[in-house]
PDB file of N, CA and C in Angstrom:
ATOM      1  N   MET A   1     108.438  78.406  55.311  1.00  0.00           N
ATOM      2  CA  MET A   1     107.706  78.969  56.431  1.00  0.00           C
ATOM      3  C   MET A   1     108.313  78.438  57.734  1.00  0.00           C
ATOM      4  N   THR A   2     108.544  79.360  58.681  1.00  0.00           N
ATOM      5  CA  THR A   2     109.112  78.951  59.960  1.00  0.00           C
ATOM      6  C   THR A   2     107.999  78.692  60.948  1.00  0.00           C
ATOM      7  N   SER A   3     108.250  77.765  61.837  1.00  0.00           N
ATOM      8  CA  SER A   3     107.267  77.383  62.839  1.00  0.00           C
ATOM      9  C   SER A   3     107.644  78.009  64.182  1.00  0.00           C
ATOM     10  N   LEU A   4     106.664  78.528  64.886  1.00  0.00           N
ATOM     11  CA  LEU A   4     106.894  79.102  66.205  1.00  0.00           C
ATOM     12  C   LEU A   4     106.662  78.048  67.278  1.00  0.00           C
ATOM     13  N   PRO A   5     107.437  78.079  68.336  1.00  0.00           N
ATOM     14  CA  PRO A   5     107.183  77.154  69.453  1.00  0.00           C
ATOM     15  C   PRO A   5     105.784  77.368  70.014  1.00  0.00           C
ATOM     16  N   ASP A   6     105.213  76.293  70.579  1.00  0.00           N
ATOM     17  CA  ASP A   6     103.852  76.359  71.112  1.00  0.00           C
ATOM     18  C   ASP A   6     103.668  77.491  72.114  1.00  0.00           C
ATOM     19  N   GLN A   7     104.630  77.692  73.030  1.00  0.00           N
ATOM     20  CA  GLN A   7     104.510  78.748  74.041  1.00  0.00           C
ATOM     21  C   GLN A   7     104.414  80.117  73.380  1.00  0.00           C
ATOM     22  N   GLN A   8     105.218  80.333  72.340  1.00  0.00           N
ATOM     23  CA  GLN A   8     105.192  81.620  71.652  1.00  0.00           C
ATOM     24  C   GLN A   8     103.838  81.835  70.979  1.00  0.00           C
ATOM     25  N   LEU A   9     103.278  80.784  70.400  1.00  0.00           N
ATOM     26  CA  LEU A   9     101.951  80.886  69.795  1.00  0.00           C
ATOM     27  C   LEU A   9     100.897  81.193  70.850  1.00  0.00           C
ATOM     28  N   ASP A  10     100.990  80.521  72.019  1.00  0.00           N
ATOM     29  CA  ASP A  10     100.053  80.790  73.114  1.00  0.00           C
ATOM     30  C   ASP A  10     100.163  82.231  73.587  1.00  0.00           C
ATOM     31  N   ASP A  11     101.400  82.741  73.714  1.00  0.00           N
ATOM     32  CA  ASP A  11     101.604  84.120  74.140  1.00  0.00           C
ATOM     33  C   ASP A  11     101.001  85.096  73.145  1.00  0.00           C
ATOM     34  N   GLN A  12     101.158  84.832  71.852  1.00  0.00           N
ATOM     35  CA  GLN A  12     100.594  85.711  70.828  1.00  0.00           C
ATOM     36  C   GLN A  12      99.075  85.683  70.888  1.00  0.00           C
ATOM     37  N   ALA A  13      98.487  84.511  71.045  1.00  0.00           N
ATOM     38  CA  ALA A  13      97.028  84.406  71.119  1.00  0.00           C
ATOM     39  C   ALA A  13      96.498  85.139  72.335  1.00  0.00           C
ATOM     40  N   THR A  14      97.186  85.016  73.477  1.00  0.00           N
ATOM     41  CA  THR A  14      96.777  85.702  74.694  1.00  0.00           C
ATOM     42  C   THR A  14      96.860  87.209  74.511  1.00  0.00           C
ATOM     43  N   THR A  15      97.953  87.691  73.947  1.00  0.00           N
ATOM     44  CA  THR A  15      98.135  89.119  73.731  1.00  0.00           C
ATOM     45  C   THR A  15      97.077  89.657  72.773  1.00  0.00           C
ATOM     46  N   GLN A  16      96.798  88.915  71.711  1.00  0.00           N
ATOM     47  CA  GLN A  16      95.848  89.372  70.710  1.00  0.00           C
ATOM     48  C   GLN A  16      94.424  89.407  71.259  1.00  0.00           C
ATOM     49  N   SER A  17      94.116  88.595  72.261  1.00  0.00           N
ATOM     50  CA  SER A  17      92.759  88.545  72.778  1.00  0.00           C
ATOM     51  C   SER A  17      92.586  89.330  74.076  1.00  0.00           C
ATOM     52  N   ALA A  18      93.610  90.045  74.499  1.00  0.00           N
ATOM     53  CA  ALA A  18      93.554  90.762  75.770  1.00  0.00           C
ATOM     54  C   ALA A  18      92.786  92.075  75.641  1.00  0.00           C
ATOM     55  N   TRP A  19      91.883  92.294  76.578  1.00  0.00           N
ATOM     56  CA  TRP A  19      91.209  93.583  76.700  1.00  0.00           C
ATOM     57  C   TRP A  19      92.132  94.502  77.474  1.00  0.00           C
ATOM     58  N   ARG A  20      92.036  95.811  77.241  1.00  0.00           N
ATOM     59  CA  ARG A  20      92.958  96.767  77.852  1.00  0.00           C
ATOM     60  C   ARG A  20      92.196  97.842  78.628  1.00  0.00           C
ATOM     61  N   VAL A  21      92.753  98.193  79.782  1.00  0.00           N
ATOM     62  CA  VAL A  21      92.253  99.318  80.567  1.00  0.00           C
ATOM     63  C   VAL A  21      93.104 100.526  80.191  1.00  0.00           C
ATOM     64  N   VAL A  22      92.435 101.548  79.674  1.00  0.00           N
ATOM     65  CA  VAL A  22      93.120 102.776  79.286  1.00  0.00           C
ATOM     66  C   VAL A  22      92.732 103.874  80.257  1.00  0.00           C
ATOM     67  N   VAL A  23      93.730 104.504  80.854  1.00  0.00           N
ATOM     68  CA  VAL A  23      93.487 105.661  81.722  1.00  0.00           C
ATOM     69  C   VAL A  23      93.869 106.898  80.925  1.00  0.00           C
ATOM     70  N   TRP A  24      92.991 107.896  80.970  1.00  0.00           N
ATOM     71  CA  TRP A  24      93.129 109.128  80.193  1.00  0.00           C
ATOM     72  C   TRP A  24      93.530 110.289  81.090  1.00  0.00           C
ATOM     73  N   ASP A  25      94.210 111.242  80.492  1.00  0.00           N
ATOM     74  CA  ASP A  25      94.620 112.441  81.217  1.00  0.00           C
ATOM     75  C   ASP A  25      93.394 113.270  81.580  1.00  0.00           C
ATOM     76  N   ASP A  26      93.462 113.943  82.697  1.00  0.00           N
ATOM     77  CA  ASP A  26      92.398 114.866  83.105  1.00  0.00           C
ATOM     78  C   ASP A  26      93.036 116.046  83.818  1.00  0.00           C
ATOM     79  N   PRO A  27      92.330 117.156  83.896  1.00  0.00           N
ATOM     80  CA  PRO A  27      92.897 118.347  84.534  1.00  0.00           C
ATOM     81  C   PRO A  27      92.676 118.397  86.047  1.00  0.00           C
ATOM     82  N   VAL A  28      92.152 117.335  86.633  1.00  0.00           N
ATOM     83  CA  VAL A  28      91.722 117.369  88.026  1.00  0.00           C
ATOM     84  C   VAL A  28      92.705 116.684  88.983  1.00  0.00           C
ATOM     85  N   ASN A  29      93.088 115.456  88.664  1.00  0.00           N
ATOM     86  CA  ASN A  29      93.856 114.642  89.609  1.00  0.00           C
ATOM     87  C   ASN A  29      95.342 114.973  89.597  1.00  0.00           C
ATOM     88  N   LEU A  30      95.915 114.998  90.798  1.00  0.00           N
ATOM     89  CA  LEU A  30      97.348 115.231  90.934  1.00  0.00           C
ATOM     90  C   LEU A  30      98.128 114.022  90.432  1.00  0.00           C
ATOM     91  N   MET A  31      99.314 114.280  89.887  1.00  0.00           N
ATOM     92  CA  MET A  31     100.159 113.200  89.386  1.00  0.00           C
ATOM     93  C   MET A  31     100.503 112.214  90.499  1.00  0.00           C
ATOM     94  N   SER A  32     100.750 112.710  91.693  1.00  0.00           N
ATOM     95  CA  SER A  32     101.085 111.826  92.816  1.00  0.00           C
ATOM     96  C   SER A  32      99.908 110.914  93.165  1.00  0.00           C
ATOM     97  N   TYR A  33      98.696 111.424  93.044  1.00  0.00           N
ATOM     98  CA  TYR A  33      97.507 110.621  93.322  1.00  0.00           C
ATOM     99  C   TYR A  33      97.347 109.516  92.282  1.00  0.00           C
ATOM    100  N   VAL A  34      97.541 109.838  91.008  1.00  0.00           N
ATOM    101  CA  VAL A  34      97.423 108.846  89.940  1.00  0.00           C
ATOM    102  C   VAL A  34      98.465 107.743  90.155  1.00  0.00           C
ATOM    103  N   THR A  35      99.678 108.122  90.488  1.00  0.00           N
ATOM    104  CA  THR A  35     100.725 107.136  90.791  1.00  0.00           C
ATOM    105  C   THR A  35     100.289 106.250  91.945  1.00  0.00           C
ATOM    106  N   TYR A  36      99.767 106.852  93.000  1.00  0.00           N
ATOM    107  CA  TYR A  36      99.280 106.112  94.167  1.00  0.00           C
ATOM    108  C   TYR A  36      98.203 105.096  93.768  1.00  0.00           C
ATOM    109  N   VAL A  37      97.257 105.504  92.926  1.00  0.00           N
ATOM    110  CA  VAL A  37      96.186 104.600  92.490  1.00  0.00           C
ATOM    111  C   VAL A  37      96.775 103.411  91.727  1.00  0.00           C
ATOM    112  N   PHE A  38      97.706 103.665  90.834  1.00  0.00           N
ATOM    113  CA  PHE A  38      98.313 102.579  90.056  1.00  0.00           C
ATOM    114  C   PHE A  38      99.077 101.615  90.961  1.00  0.00           C
ATOM    115  N   GLU A  39      99.696 102.152  91.999  1.00  0.00           N
ATOM    116  CA  GLU A  39     100.426 101.300  92.953  1.00  0.00           C
ATOM    117  C   GLU A  39      99.465 100.456  93.788  1.00  0.00           C
ATOM    118  N   THR A  40      98.452 101.105  94.341  1.00  0.00           N
ATOM    119  CA  THR A  40      97.583 100.414  95.290  1.00  0.00           C
ATOM    120  C   THR A  40      96.576  99.502  94.609  1.00  0.00           C
ATOM    121  N   HIS A  41      95.984  99.937  93.525  1.00  0.00           N
ATOM    122  CA  HIS A  41      94.958  99.109  92.881  1.00  0.00           C
ATOM    123  C   HIS A  41      95.567  97.987  92.047  1.00  0.00           C
ATOM    124  N   PHE A  42      96.539  98.323  91.203  1.00  0.00           N
ATOM    125  CA  PHE A  42      97.115  97.325  90.303  1.00  0.00           C
ATOM    126  C   PHE A  42      98.334  96.621  90.887  1.00  0.00           C
ATOM    127  N   GLY A  43      98.899  97.163  91.957  1.00  0.00           N
ATOM    128  CA  GLY A  43     100.085  96.564  92.550  1.00  0.00           C
ATOM    129  C   GLY A  43     101.355  96.828  91.771  1.00  0.00           C
ATOM    130  N   HIS A  44     101.314  97.864  90.910  1.00  0.00           N
ATOM    131  CA  HIS A  44     102.525  98.209  90.164  1.00  0.00           C
ATOM    132  C   HIS A  44     103.590  98.745  91.127  1.00  0.00           C
ATOM    133  N   PRO A  45     104.849  98.368  90.910  1.00  0.00           N
ATOM    134  CA  PRO A  45     105.920  98.981  91.705  1.00  0.00           C
ATOM    135  C   PRO A  45     105.940 100.490  91.445  1.00  0.00           C
ATOM    136  N   HIS A  46     106.488 101.249  92.378  1.00  0.00           N
ATOM    137  CA  HIS A  46     106.464 102.710  92.273  1.00  0.00           C
ATOM    138  C   HIS A  46     107.018 103.212  90.936  1.00  0.00           C
ATOM    139  N   ASP A  47     108.153 102.682  90.496  1.00  0.00           N
ATOM    140  CA  ASP A  47     108.754 103.167  89.248  1.00  0.00           C
ATOM    141  C   ASP A  47     107.838 102.926  88.050  1.00  0.00           C
ATOM    142  N   ARG A  48     107.192 101.753  88.000  1.00  0.00           N
ATOM    143  CA  ARG A  48     106.267 101.443  86.897  1.00  0.00           C
ATOM    144  C   ARG A  48     105.034 102.334  86.989  1.00  0.00           C
ATOM    145  N   ALA A  49     104.487 102.502  88.179  1.00  0.00           N
ATOM    146  CA  ALA A  49     103.311 103.357  88.372  1.00  0.00           C
ATOM    147  C   ALA A  49     103.620 104.791  87.956  1.00  0.00           C
ATOM    148  N   HIS A  50     104.806 105.274  88.330  1.00  0.00           N
ATOM    149  CA  HIS A  50     105.210 106.633  87.960  1.00  0.00           C
ATOM    150  C   HIS A  50     105.361 106.760  86.443  1.00  0.00           C
ATOM    151  N   ALA A  51     105.958 105.758  85.809  1.00  0.00           N
ATOM    152  CA  ALA A  51     106.128 105.787  84.349  1.00  0.00           C
ATOM    153  C   ALA A  51     104.780 105.793  83.633  1.00  0.00           C
ATOM    154  N   LEU A  52     103.834 104.994  84.119  1.00  0.00           N
ATOM    155  CA  LEU A  52     102.492 104.991  83.521  1.00  0.00           C
ATOM    156  C   LEU A  52     101.799 106.329  83.721  1.00  0.00           C
ATOM    157  N   MET A  53     101.943 106.906  84.913  1.00  0.00           N
ATOM    158  CA  MET A  53     101.349 108.219  85.175  1.00  0.00           C
ATOM    159  C   MET A  53     101.933 109.257  84.226  1.00  0.00           C
ATOM    160  N   MET A  54     103.256 109.214  84.012  1.00  0.00           N
ATOM    161  CA  MET A  54     103.897 110.167  83.100  1.00  0.00           C
ATOM    162  C   MET A  54     103.418 109.965  81.662  1.00  0.00           C
ATOM    163  N   GLN A  55     103.165 108.731  81.284  1.00  0.00           N
ATOM    164  CA  GLN A  55     102.623 108.473  79.944  1.00  0.00           C
ATOM    165  C   GLN A  55     101.227 109.076  79.811  1.00  0.00           C
ATOM    166  N   VAL A  56     100.413 108.912  80.841  1.00  0.00           N
ATOM    167  CA  VAL A  56      99.082 109.542  80.840  1.00  0.00           C
ATOM    168  C   VAL A  56      99.237 111.052  80.704  1.00  0.00           C
ATOM    169  N   HIS A  57     100.143 111.626  81.472  1.00  0.00           N
ATOM    170  CA  HIS A  57     100.335 113.072  81.498  1.00  0.00           C
ATOM    171  C   HIS A  57     100.872 113.616  80.171  1.00  0.00           C
ATOM    172  N   THR A  58     101.849 112.936  79.585  1.00  0.00           N
ATOM    173  CA  THR A  58     102.503 113.469  78.385  1.00  0.00           C
ATOM    174  C   THR A  58     101.831 113.043  77.080  1.00  0.00           C
ATOM    175  N   GLU A  59     101.278 111.815  77.044  1.00  0.00           N
ATOM    176  CA  GLU A  59     100.672 111.310  75.808  1.00  0.00           C
ATOM    177  C   GLU A  59      99.141 111.357  75.834  1.00  0.00           C
ATOM    178  N   GLY A  60      98.592 111.644  77.008  1.00  0.00           N
ATOM    179  CA  GLY A  60      97.143 111.742  77.118  1.00  0.00           C
ATOM    180  C   GLY A  60      96.447 110.454  77.508  1.00  0.00           C
ATOM    181  N   ARG A  61      97.166 109.336  77.504  1.00  0.00           N
ATOM    182  CA  ARG A  61      96.573 108.045  77.852  1.00  0.00           C
ATOM    183  C   ARG A  61      97.666 107.021  78.078  1.00  0.00           C
ATOM    184  N   ALA A  62      97.315 105.948  78.798  1.00  0.00           N
ATOM    185  CA  ALA A  62      98.230 104.827  78.985  1.00  0.00           C
ATOM    186  C   ALA A  62      97.408 103.565  79.229  1.00  0.00           C
ATOM    187  N   VAL A  63      97.887 102.455  78.703  1.00  0.00           N
ATOM    188  CA  VAL A  63      97.296 101.151  78.996  1.00  0.00           C
ATOM    189  C   VAL A  63      97.907 100.691  80.314  1.00  0.00           C
ATOM    190  N   VAL A  64      97.067 100.514  81.323  1.00  0.00           N
ATOM    191  CA  VAL A  64      97.565 100.187  82.663  1.00  0.00           C
ATOM    192  C   VAL A  64      97.340  98.738  83.055  1.00  0.00           C
ATOM    193  N   ALA A  65      96.507  98.010  82.287  1.00  0.00           N
ATOM    194  CA  ALA A  65      96.271  96.589  82.561  1.00  0.00           C
ATOM    195  C   ALA A  65      95.723  95.925  81.311  1.00  0.00           C
ATOM    196  N   GLU A  66      96.008  94.637  81.173  1.00  0.00           N
ATOM    197  CA  GLU A  66      95.496  93.830  80.063  1.00  0.00           C
ATOM    198  C   GLU A  66      95.050  92.488  80.597  1.00  0.00           C
ATOM    199  N   GLY A  67      93.979  91.957  80.008  1.00  0.00           N
ATOM    200  CA  GLY A  67      93.513  90.643  80.436  1.00  0.00           C
ATOM    201  C   GLY A  67      92.135  90.343  79.893  1.00  0.00           C
ATOM    202  N   GLY A  68      91.449  89.440  80.550  1.00  0.00           N
ATOM    203  CA  GLY A  68      90.099  89.059  80.145  1.00  0.00           C
ATOM    204  C   GLY A  68      89.113  90.204  80.332  1.00  0.00           C
ATOM    205  N   ARG A  69      88.015  90.134  79.611  1.00  0.00           N
ATOM    206  CA  ARG A  69      87.059  91.234  79.599  1.00  0.00           C
ATOM    207  C   ARG A  69      86.476  91.559  80.977  1.00  0.00           C
ATOM    208  N   GLU A  70      85.991  90.558  81.690  1.00  0.00           N
ATOM    209  CA  GLU A  70      85.329  90.833  82.973  1.00  0.00           C
ATOM    210  C   GLU A  70      86.266  91.465  84.000  1.00  0.00           C
ATOM    211  N   PRO A  71      87.488  90.935  84.189  1.00  0.00           N
ATOM    212  CA  PRO A  71      88.373  91.593  85.155  1.00  0.00           C
ATOM    213  C   PRO A  71      88.736  93.021  84.730  1.00  0.00           C
ATOM    214  N   MET A  72      88.884  93.242  83.421  1.00  0.00           N
ATOM    215  CA  MET A  72      89.241  94.585  82.954  1.00  0.00           C
ATOM    216  C   MET A  72      88.068  95.547  83.125  1.00  0.00           C
ATOM    217  N   GLU A  73      86.837  95.052  82.967  1.00  0.00           N
ATOM    218  CA  GLU A  73      85.664  95.890  83.236  1.00  0.00           C
ATOM    219  C   GLU A  73      85.643  96.303  84.710  1.00  0.00           C
ATOM    220  N   SER A  74      86.016  95.374  85.585  1.00  0.00           N
ATOM    221  CA  SER A  74      86.082  95.686  87.020  1.00  0.00           C
ATOM    222  C   SER A  74      87.138  96.752  87.296  1.00  0.00           C
ATOM    223  N   HIS A  75      88.274  96.661  86.623  1.00  0.00           N
ATOM    224  CA  HIS A  75      89.332  97.663  86.800  1.00  0.00           C
ATOM    225  C   HIS A  75      88.864  99.041  86.324  1.00  0.00           C
ATOM    226  N   VAL A  76      88.155  99.094  85.194  1.00  0.00           N
ATOM    227  CA  VAL A  76      87.641 100.374  84.702  1.00  0.00           C
ATOM    228  C   VAL A  76      86.690 100.974  85.730  1.00  0.00           C
ATOM    229  N   SER A  77      85.813 100.148  86.260  1.00  0.00           N
ATOM    230  CA  SER A  77      84.877 100.617  87.289  1.00  0.00           C
ATOM    231  C   SER A  77      85.634 101.124  88.520  1.00  0.00           C
ATOM    232  N   ALA A  78      86.673 100.408  88.911  1.00  0.00           N
ATOM    233  CA  ALA A  78      87.487 100.832  90.057  1.00  0.00           C
ATOM    234  C   ALA A  78      88.160 102.172  89.783  1.00  0.00           C
ATOM    235  N   MET A  79      88.677 102.356  88.567  1.00  0.00           N
ATOM    236  CA  MET A  79      89.319 103.631  88.226  1.00  0.00           C
ATOM    237  C   MET A  79      88.314 104.765  88.356  1.00  0.00           C
ATOM    238  N   HIS A  80      87.078 104.523  87.930  1.00  0.00           N
ATOM    239  CA  HIS A  80      86.035 105.543  88.065  1.00  0.00           C
ATOM    240  C   HIS A  80      85.784 105.854  89.537  1.00  0.00           C
ATOM    241  N   SER A  81      85.805 104.815  90.387  1.00  0.00           N
ATOM    242  CA  SER A  81      85.575 105.051  91.816  1.00  0.00           C
ATOM    243  C   SER A  81      86.708 105.858  92.445  1.00  0.00           C
ATOM    244  N   TYR A  82      87.914 105.773  91.865  1.00  0.00           N
ATOM    245  CA  TYR A  82      89.042 106.596  92.307  1.00  0.00           C
ATOM    246  C   TYR A  82      88.981 108.008  91.718  1.00  0.00           C
ATOM    247  N   GLY A  83      88.041 108.246  90.827  1.00  0.00           N
ATOM    248  CA  GLY A  83      87.922 109.563  90.207  1.00  0.00           C
ATOM    249  C   GLY A  83      88.767 109.730  88.951  1.00  0.00           C
ATOM    250  N   LEU A  84      89.261 108.613  88.397  1.00  0.00           N
ATOM    251  CA  LEU A  84      90.055 108.685  87.171  1.00  0.00           C
ATOM    252  C   LEU A  84      89.167 108.376  85.968  1.00  0.00           C
ATOM    253  N   TRP A  85      89.538 108.939  84.825  1.00  0.00           N
ATOM    254  CA  TRP A  85      88.820 108.690  83.586  1.00  0.00           C
ATOM    255  C   TRP A  85      89.466 107.480  82.925  1.00  0.00           C
ATOM    256  N   ALA A  86      88.720 106.365  82.802  1.00  0.00           N
ATOM    257  CA  ALA A  86      89.251 105.148  82.221  1.00  0.00           C
ATOM    258  C   ALA A  86      88.222 104.525  81.301  1.00  0.00           C
ATOM    259  N   THR A  87      88.718 103.826  80.281  1.00  0.00           N
ATOM    260  CA  THR A  87      87.851 103.124  79.355  1.00  0.00           C
ATOM    261  C   THR A  87      88.400 101.728  79.100  1.00  0.00           C
ATOM    262  N   LEU A  88      87.534 100.878  78.550  1.00  0.00           N
ATOM    263  CA  LEU A  88      87.903  99.524  78.165  1.00  0.00           C
ATOM    264  C   LEU A  88      88.138  99.517  76.670  1.00  0.00           C
ATOM    265  N   GLU A  89      89.260  98.947  76.249  1.00  0.00           N
ATOM    266  CA  GLU A  89      89.606  98.867  74.832  1.00  0.00           C
ATOM    267  C   GLU A  89      89.572  97.407  74.415  1.00  0.00           C
ATOM    268  N   SER A  90      88.832  97.133  73.344  1.00  0.00           N
ATOM    269  CA  SER A  90      88.693  95.745  72.898  1.00  0.00           C
ATOM    270  C   SER A  90      89.934  95.260  72.166  1.00  0.00           C
ATOM    271  N   PRO A  91      90.117  93.934  72.137  1.00  0.00           N
ATOM    272  CA  PRO A  91      91.275  93.391  71.428  1.00  0.00           C
ATOM    273  C   PRO A  91      91.156  93.601  69.929  1.00  0.00           C
ATOM    274  N   GLY A  92      92.317  93.661  69.317  1.00  0.00           N
ATOM    275  CA  GLY A  92      92.457  93.726  67.862  1.00  0.00           C
ATOM    276  C   GLY A  92      91.571  94.676  67.218  1.00  0.00           C
TER     277      GLY A  92
END
């Protein structure tokens, strides 16, 4: 059996326990607006925001943020205030 370095174990535990904000495709919002929201609210660079918007558009959904439950609940609420359809996805 191989042993993983402590940092790698910490990273895996963090990833496994992260709550996710999922933004869903809708027929209402313009692609440019969704990109703008991802840039302004999450601070994603334009290219990343555009890529996430395209994932929402082509795949129907995208995970736009991961972290602890309370901050992710706040992000979901913020997405709703922007008029986007978003949900919270539990870890594992």
